[in-house]
Structures are given as structure tokens and as C-alpha cells.
């Protein structure tokens, strides 16, 4: 069980570092959400059923 905890901590740290490195070259901007629409199309995925939202910025 202790090994699982160590692996989980190392994986979390690796993901955090990868996320930072992967996004550091992104351009920062500001915006406002002007509309959010519900898309009644239901999407079946392995994780379950999801509904889509269309966001206008």
C-alpha cells in the first residue's frame, strides 16, 4: 500500500510539472462569456452520458 502512495505522489508531481511546461508558451488574454447554450445532443462515452454546452466568448 505504501508503494501505491509513493507512485501516486510521483505521478501527481510529474503531471503538475508537465502541465506547467506544456502551457508556459500560451498567450494570455482576457474575454467575457456572452452566451452559454445547452446542446440537447446526448453523447454516450465510456465514462457515461454527457451533455454539451456551447460557450460564446
PDB file of N, CA and C in Angstrom:
ATOM      1  N   UNK A   1       0.819  -1.195   0.000  1.00  0.00           N
ATOM      2  CA  UNK A   1       0.000   0.000   0.000  1.00  0.00           C
ATOM      3  C   UNK A   1       0.866   1.263   0.000  1.00  0.00           C
ATOM      4  N   UNK A   2       1.979   1.212   0.700  1.00  0.00           N
ATOM      5  CA  UNK A   2       2.882   2.347   0.761  1.00  0.00           C
ATOM      6  C   UNK A   2       3.460   2.641  -0.631  1.00  0.00           C
ATOM      7  N   UNK A   3       3.762   1.584  -1.372  1.00  0.00           N
ATOM      8  CA  UNK A   3       4.298   1.751  -2.731  1.00  0.00           C
ATOM      9  C   UNK A   3       3.291   2.457  -3.621  1.00  0.00           C
ATOM     10  N   UNK A   4       2.028   2.109  -3.485  1.00  0.00           N
ATOM     11  CA  UNK A   4       0.978   2.770  -4.266  1.00  0.00           C
ATOM     12  C   UNK A   4       0.938   4.264  -3.960  1.00  0.00           C
ATOM     13  N   UNK A   5       1.057   4.624  -2.692  1.00  0.00           N
ATOM     14  CA  UNK A   5       1.064   6.032  -2.297  1.00  0.00           C
ATOM     15  C   UNK A   5       2.238   6.786  -2.897  1.00  0.00           C
ATOM     16  N   UNK A   6       3.407   6.159  -2.885  1.00  0.00           N
ATOM     17  CA  UNK A   6       4.604   6.793  -3.463  1.00  0.00           C
ATOM     18  C   UNK A   6       4.425   6.992  -4.962  1.00  0.00           C
ATOM     19  N   UNK A   7       3.924   5.975  -5.640  1.00  0.00           N
ATOM     20  CA  UNK A   7       3.690   6.075  -7.078  1.00  0.00           C
ATOM     21  C   UNK A   7       2.672   7.169  -7.380  1.00  0.00           C
ATOM     22  N   UNK A   8       1.633   7.255  -6.588  1.00  0.00           N
ATOM     23  CA  UNK A   8       0.599   8.269  -6.786  1.00  0.00           C
ATOM     24  C   UNK A   8       1.168   9.679  -6.610  1.00  0.00           C
ATOM     25  N   UNK A   9       2.000   9.884  -5.597  1.00  0.00           N
ATOM     26  CA  UNK A   9       2.617  11.194  -5.368  1.00  0.00           C
ATOM     27  C   UNK A   9       3.549  11.547  -6.525  1.00  0.00           C
ATOM     28  N   UNK A  10       4.371  10.605  -6.966  1.00  0.00           N
ATOM     29  CA  UNK A  10       5.290  10.868  -8.079  1.00  0.00           C
ATOM     30  C   UNK A  10       4.534  11.157  -9.375  1.00  0.00           C
ATOM     31  N   UNK A  11       3.458  10.419  -9.621  1.00  0.00           N
ATOM     32  CA  UNK A  11       2.666  10.650 -10.828  1.00  0.00           C
ATOM     33  C   UNK A  11       2.007  12.024 -10.775  1.00  0.00           C
ATOM     34  N   UNK A  12       1.513  12.416  -9.625  1.00  0.00           N
ATOM     35  CA  UNK A  12       0.879  13.732  -9.477  1.00  0.00           C
ATOM     36  C   UNK A  12       1.889  14.852  -9.696  1.00  0.00           C
ATOM     37  N   UNK A  13       3.075  14.703  -9.135  1.00  0.00           N
ATOM     38  CA  UNK A  13       4.125  15.709  -9.325  1.00  0.00           C
ATOM     39  C   UNK A  13       4.531  15.786 -10.791  1.00  0.00           C
ATOM     40  N   UNK A  14       4.668  14.649 -11.437  1.00  0.00           N
ATOM     41  CA  UNK A  14       5.020  14.632 -12.853  1.00  0.00           C
ATOM     42  C   UNK A  14       3.967  15.298 -13.703  1.00  0.00           C
ATOM     43  N   UNK A  15       2.708  15.053 -13.404  1.00  0.00           N
ATOM     44  CA  UNK A  15       1.622  15.679 -14.155  1.00  0.00           C
ATOM     45  C   UNK A  15       1.623  17.185 -13.954  1.00  0.00           C
ATOM     46  N   UNK A  16       1.853  17.640 -12.724  1.00  0.00           N
ATOM     47  CA  UNK A  16       1.878  19.076 -12.439  1.00  0.00           C
ATOM     48  C   UNK A  16       3.012  19.753 -13.212  1.00  0.00           C
ATOM     49  N   UNK A  17       4.174  19.141 -13.224  1.00  0.00           N
ATOM     50  CA  UNK A  17       5.312  19.707 -13.964  1.00  0.00           C
ATOM     51  C   UNK A  17       5.021  19.712 -15.451  1.00  0.00           C
ATOM     52  N   UNK A  18       4.481  18.613 -15.976  1.00  0.00           N
ATOM     53  CA  UNK A  18       4.178  18.530 -17.405  1.00  0.00           C
ATOM     54  C   UNK A  18       3.138  19.582 -17.796  1.00  0.00           C
ATOM     55  N   UNK A  19       2.138  19.798 -16.956  1.00  0.00           N
ATOM     56  CA  UNK A  19       1.112  20.792 -17.246  1.00  0.00           C
ATOM     57  C   UNK A  19       1.707  22.187 -17.317  1.00  0.00           C
ATOM     58  N   UNK A  20       2.615  22.504 -16.406  1.00  0.00           N
ATOM     59  CA  UNK A  20       3.253  23.816 -16.403  1.00  0.00           C
ATOM     60  C   UNK A  20       4.111  23.992 -17.646  1.00  0.00           C
ATOM     61  N   UNK A  21       4.918  23.009 -17.970  1.00  0.00           N
ATOM     62  CA  UNK A  21       5.813  23.101 -19.128  1.00  0.00           C
ATOM     63  C   UNK A  21       5.008  23.169 -20.414  1.00  0.00           C
ATOM     64  N   UNK A  22       3.927  22.430 -20.490  1.00  0.00           N
ATOM     65  CA  UNK A  22       3.117  22.371 -21.704  1.00  0.00           C
ATOM     66  C   UNK A  22       2.393  23.692 -21.982  1.00  0.00           C
ATOM     67  N   UNK A  23       2.076  24.481 -20.962  1.00  0.00           N
ATOM     68  CA  UNK A  23       1.275  25.688 -21.152  1.00  0.00           C
ATOM     69  C   UNK A  23       2.062  26.985 -20.998  1.00  0.00           C
ATOM     70  N   UNK A  24       3.339  26.924 -20.742  1.00  0.00           N
ATOM     71  CA  UNK A  24       4.078  28.158 -20.456  1.00  0.00           C
ATOM     72  C   UNK A  24       4.211  29.077 -21.662  1.00  0.00           C
ATOM     73  N   UNK A  25       4.053  28.564 -22.883  1.00  0.00           N
ATOM     74  CA  UNK A  25       4.174  29.397 -24.078  1.00  0.00           C
ATOM     75  C   UNK A  25       2.833  29.926 -24.575  1.00  0.00           C
ATOM     76  N   UNK A  26       1.762  29.674 -23.843  1.00  0.00           N
ATOM     77  CA  UNK A  26       0.455  30.156 -24.256  1.00  0.00           C
ATOM     78  C   UNK A  26       0.370  31.671 -24.111  1.00  0.00           C
ATOM     79  N   UNK A  27      -0.388  32.304 -24.971  1.00  0.00           N
ATOM     80  CA  UNK A  27      -0.618  33.736 -24.903  1.00  0.00           C
ATOM     81  C   UNK A  27      -1.783  33.993 -23.955  1.00  0.00           C
ATOM     82  N   UNK A  28      -1.611  34.949 -23.047  1.00  0.00           N
ATOM     83  CA  UNK A  28      -2.664  35.303 -22.100  1.00  0.00           C
ATOM     84  C   UNK A  28      -3.515  36.419 -22.681  1.00  0.00           C
ATOM     85  N   UNK A  29      -4.816  36.293 -22.514  1.00  0.00           N
ATOM     86  CA  UNK A  29      -5.736  37.314 -22.993  1.00  0.00           C
ATOM     87  C   UNK A  29      -6.921  37.394 -22.042  1.00  0.00           C
ATOM     88  N   UNK A  30      -7.763  38.375 -22.229  1.00  0.00           N
ATOM     89  CA  UNK A  30      -8.967  38.481 -21.415  1.00  0.00           C
ATOM     90  C   UNK A  30     -10.187  38.353 -22.317  1.00  0.00           C
ATOM     91  N   UNK A  31     -11.278  37.977 -21.757  1.00  0.00           N
ATOM     92  CA  UNK A  31     -12.510  37.838 -22.524  1.00  0.00           C
ATOM     93  C   UNK A  31     -13.697  37.770 -21.592  1.00  0.00           C
ATOM     94  N   UNK A  32     -14.864  37.828 -22.159  1.00  0.00           N
ATOM     95  CA  UNK A  32     -16.104  37.733 -21.392  1.00  0.00           C
ATOM     96  C   UNK A  32     -17.010  36.709 -22.040  1.00  0.00           C
ATOM     97  N   UNK A  33     -17.641  35.906 -21.229  1.00  0.00           N
ATOM     98  CA  UNK A  33     -18.619  34.955 -21.734  1.00  0.00           C
ATOM     99  C   UNK A  33     -19.889  35.739 -22.038  1.00  0.00           C
ATOM    100  N   UNK A  34     -20.322  35.680 -23.298  1.00  0.00           N
ATOM    101  CA  UNK A  34     -21.517  36.430 -23.701  1.00  0.00           C
ATOM    102  C   UNK A  34     -22.748  35.544 -23.796  1.00  0.00           C
ATOM    103  N   UNK A  35     -22.546  34.234 -23.924  1.00  0.00           N
ATOM    104  CA  UNK A  35     -23.695  33.333 -24.005  1.00  0.00           C
ATOM    105  C   UNK A  35     -23.266  31.912 -23.678  1.00  0.00           C
ATOM    106  N   UNK A  36     -24.176  31.175 -23.081  1.00  0.00           N
ATOM    107  CA  UNK A  36     -23.987  29.750 -22.843  1.00  0.00           C
ATOM    108  C   UNK A  36     -25.272  29.072 -23.284  1.00  0.00           C
ATOM    109  N   UNK A  37     -25.145  28.135 -24.232  1.00  0.00           N
ATOM    110  CA  UNK A  37     -26.313  27.427 -24.751  1.00  0.00           C
ATOM    111  C   UNK A  37     -26.190  25.943 -24.437  1.00  0.00           C
ATOM    112  N   UNK A  38     -27.277  25.341 -24.062  1.00  0.00           N
ATOM    113  CA  UNK A  38     -27.324  23.906 -23.827  1.00  0.00           C
ATOM    114  C   UNK A  38     -27.556  23.195 -25.146  1.00  0.00           C
ATOM    115  N   UNK A  39     -26.695  22.245 -25.461  1.00  0.00           N
ATOM    116  CA  UNK A  39     -26.857  21.432 -26.665  1.00  0.00           C
ATOM    117  C   UNK A  39     -27.572  20.151 -26.249  1.00  0.00           C
ATOM    118  N   UNK A  40     -28.807  19.944 -26.706  1.00  0.00           N
ATOM    119  CA  UNK A  40     -29.572  18.786 -26.245  1.00  0.00           C
ATOM    120  C   UNK A  40     -29.045  17.440 -26.756  1.00  0.00           C
ATOM    121  N   UNK A  41     -28.029  17.470 -27.589  1.00  0.00           N
ATOM    122  CA  UNK A  41     -27.453  16.227 -28.082  1.00  0.00           C
ATOM    123  C   UNK A  41     -26.780  15.497 -26.923  1.00  0.00           C
ATOM    124  N   UNK A  42     -27.157  14.282 -26.697  1.00  0.00           N
ATOM    125  CA  UNK A  42     -26.562  13.479 -25.630  1.00  0.00           C
ATOM    126  C   UNK A  42     -25.451  12.642 -26.240  1.00  0.00           C
ATOM    127  N   UNK A  43     -24.280  12.674 -25.612  1.00  0.00           N
ATOM    128  CA  UNK A  43     -23.126  11.933 -26.109  1.00  0.00           C
ATOM    129  C   UNK A  43     -22.849  10.780 -25.151  1.00  0.00           C
ATOM    130  N   UNK A  44     -22.823   9.597 -25.694  1.00  0.00           N
ATOM    131  CA  UNK A  44     -22.519   8.403 -24.884  1.00  0.00           C
ATOM    132  C   UNK A  44     -21.025   8.146 -24.960  1.00  0.00           C
ATOM    133  N   UNK A  45     -20.373   8.129 -23.819  1.00  0.00           N
ATOM    134  CA  UNK A  45     -18.946   7.851 -23.746  1.00  0.00           C
ATOM    135  C   UNK A  45     -18.729   6.704 -22.774  1.00  0.00           C
ATOM    136  N   UNK A  46     -17.490   6.216 -22.742  1.00  0.00           N
ATOM    137  CA  UNK A  46     -17.179   5.128 -21.816  1.00  0.00           C
ATOM    138  C   UNK A  46     -17.403   5.544 -20.370  1.00  0.00           C
ATOM    139  N   UNK A  47     -17.157   6.819 -20.057  1.00  0.00           N
ATOM    140  CA  UNK A  47     -17.306   7.307 -18.696  1.00  0.00           C
ATOM    141  C   UNK A  47     -18.770   7.516 -18.316  1.00  0.00           C
ATOM    142  N   UNK A  48     -19.647   7.573 -19.299  1.00  0.00           N
ATOM    143  CA  UNK A  48     -21.058   7.802 -19.025  1.00  0.00           C
ATOM    144  C   UNK A  48     -21.664   8.719 -20.070  1.00  0.00           C
ATOM    145  N   UNK A  49     -22.801   9.276 -19.752  1.00  0.00           N
ATOM    146  CA  UNK A  49     -23.525  10.159 -20.660  1.00  0.00           C
ATOM    147  C   UNK A  49     -23.154  11.596 -20.327  1.00  0.00           C
ATOM    148  N   UNK A  50     -22.874  12.383 -21.356  1.00  0.00           N
ATOM    149  CA  UNK A  50     -22.555  13.794 -21.130  1.00  0.00           C
ATOM    150  C   UNK A  50     -23.462  14.667 -21.975  1.00  0.00           C
ATOM    151  N   UNK A  51     -23.671  15.871 -21.542  1.00  0.00           N
ATOM    152  CA  UNK A  51     -24.393  16.883 -22.299  1.00  0.00           C
ATOM    153  C   UNK A  51     -23.402  17.972 -22.661  1.00  0.00           C
ATOM    154  N   UNK A  52     -23.544  18.542 -23.834  1.00  0.00           N
ATOM    155  CA  UNK A  52     -22.620  19.570 -24.285  1.00  0.00           C
ATOM    156  C   UNK A  52     -23.179  20.963 -24.043  1.00  0.00           C
ATOM    157  N   UNK A  53     -22.300  21.868 -23.719  1.00  0.00           N
ATOM    158  CA  UNK A  53     -22.627  23.279 -23.606  1.00  0.00           C
ATOM    159  C   UNK A  53     -21.823  24.030 -24.650  1.00  0.00           C
ATOM    160  N   UNK A  54     -22.446  24.997 -25.304  1.00  0.00           N
ATOM    161  CA  UNK A  54     -21.773  25.831 -26.287  1.00  0.00           C
ATOM    162  C   UNK A  54     -21.540  27.193 -25.613  1.00  0.00           C
ATOM    163  N   UNK A  55     -20.284  27.577 -25.449  1.00  0.00           N
ATOM    164  CA  UNK A  55     -19.935  28.814 -24.788  1.00  0.00           C
ATOM    165  C   UNK A  55     -19.446  29.814 -25.838  1.00  0.00           C
ATOM    166  N   UNK A  56     -20.033  31.006 -25.859  1.00  0.00           N
ATOM    167  CA  UNK A  56     -19.602  32.074 -26.761  1.00  0.00           C
ATOM    168  C   UNK A  56     -18.828  33.095 -25.931  1.00  0.00           C
ATOM    169  N   UNK A  57     -17.612  33.398 -26.404  1.00  0.00           N
ATOM    170  CA  UNK A  57     -16.746  34.351 -25.692  1.00  0.00           C
ATOM    171  C   UNK A  57     -16.539  35.579 -26.530  1.00  0.00           C
TER     172      UNK A  57
END
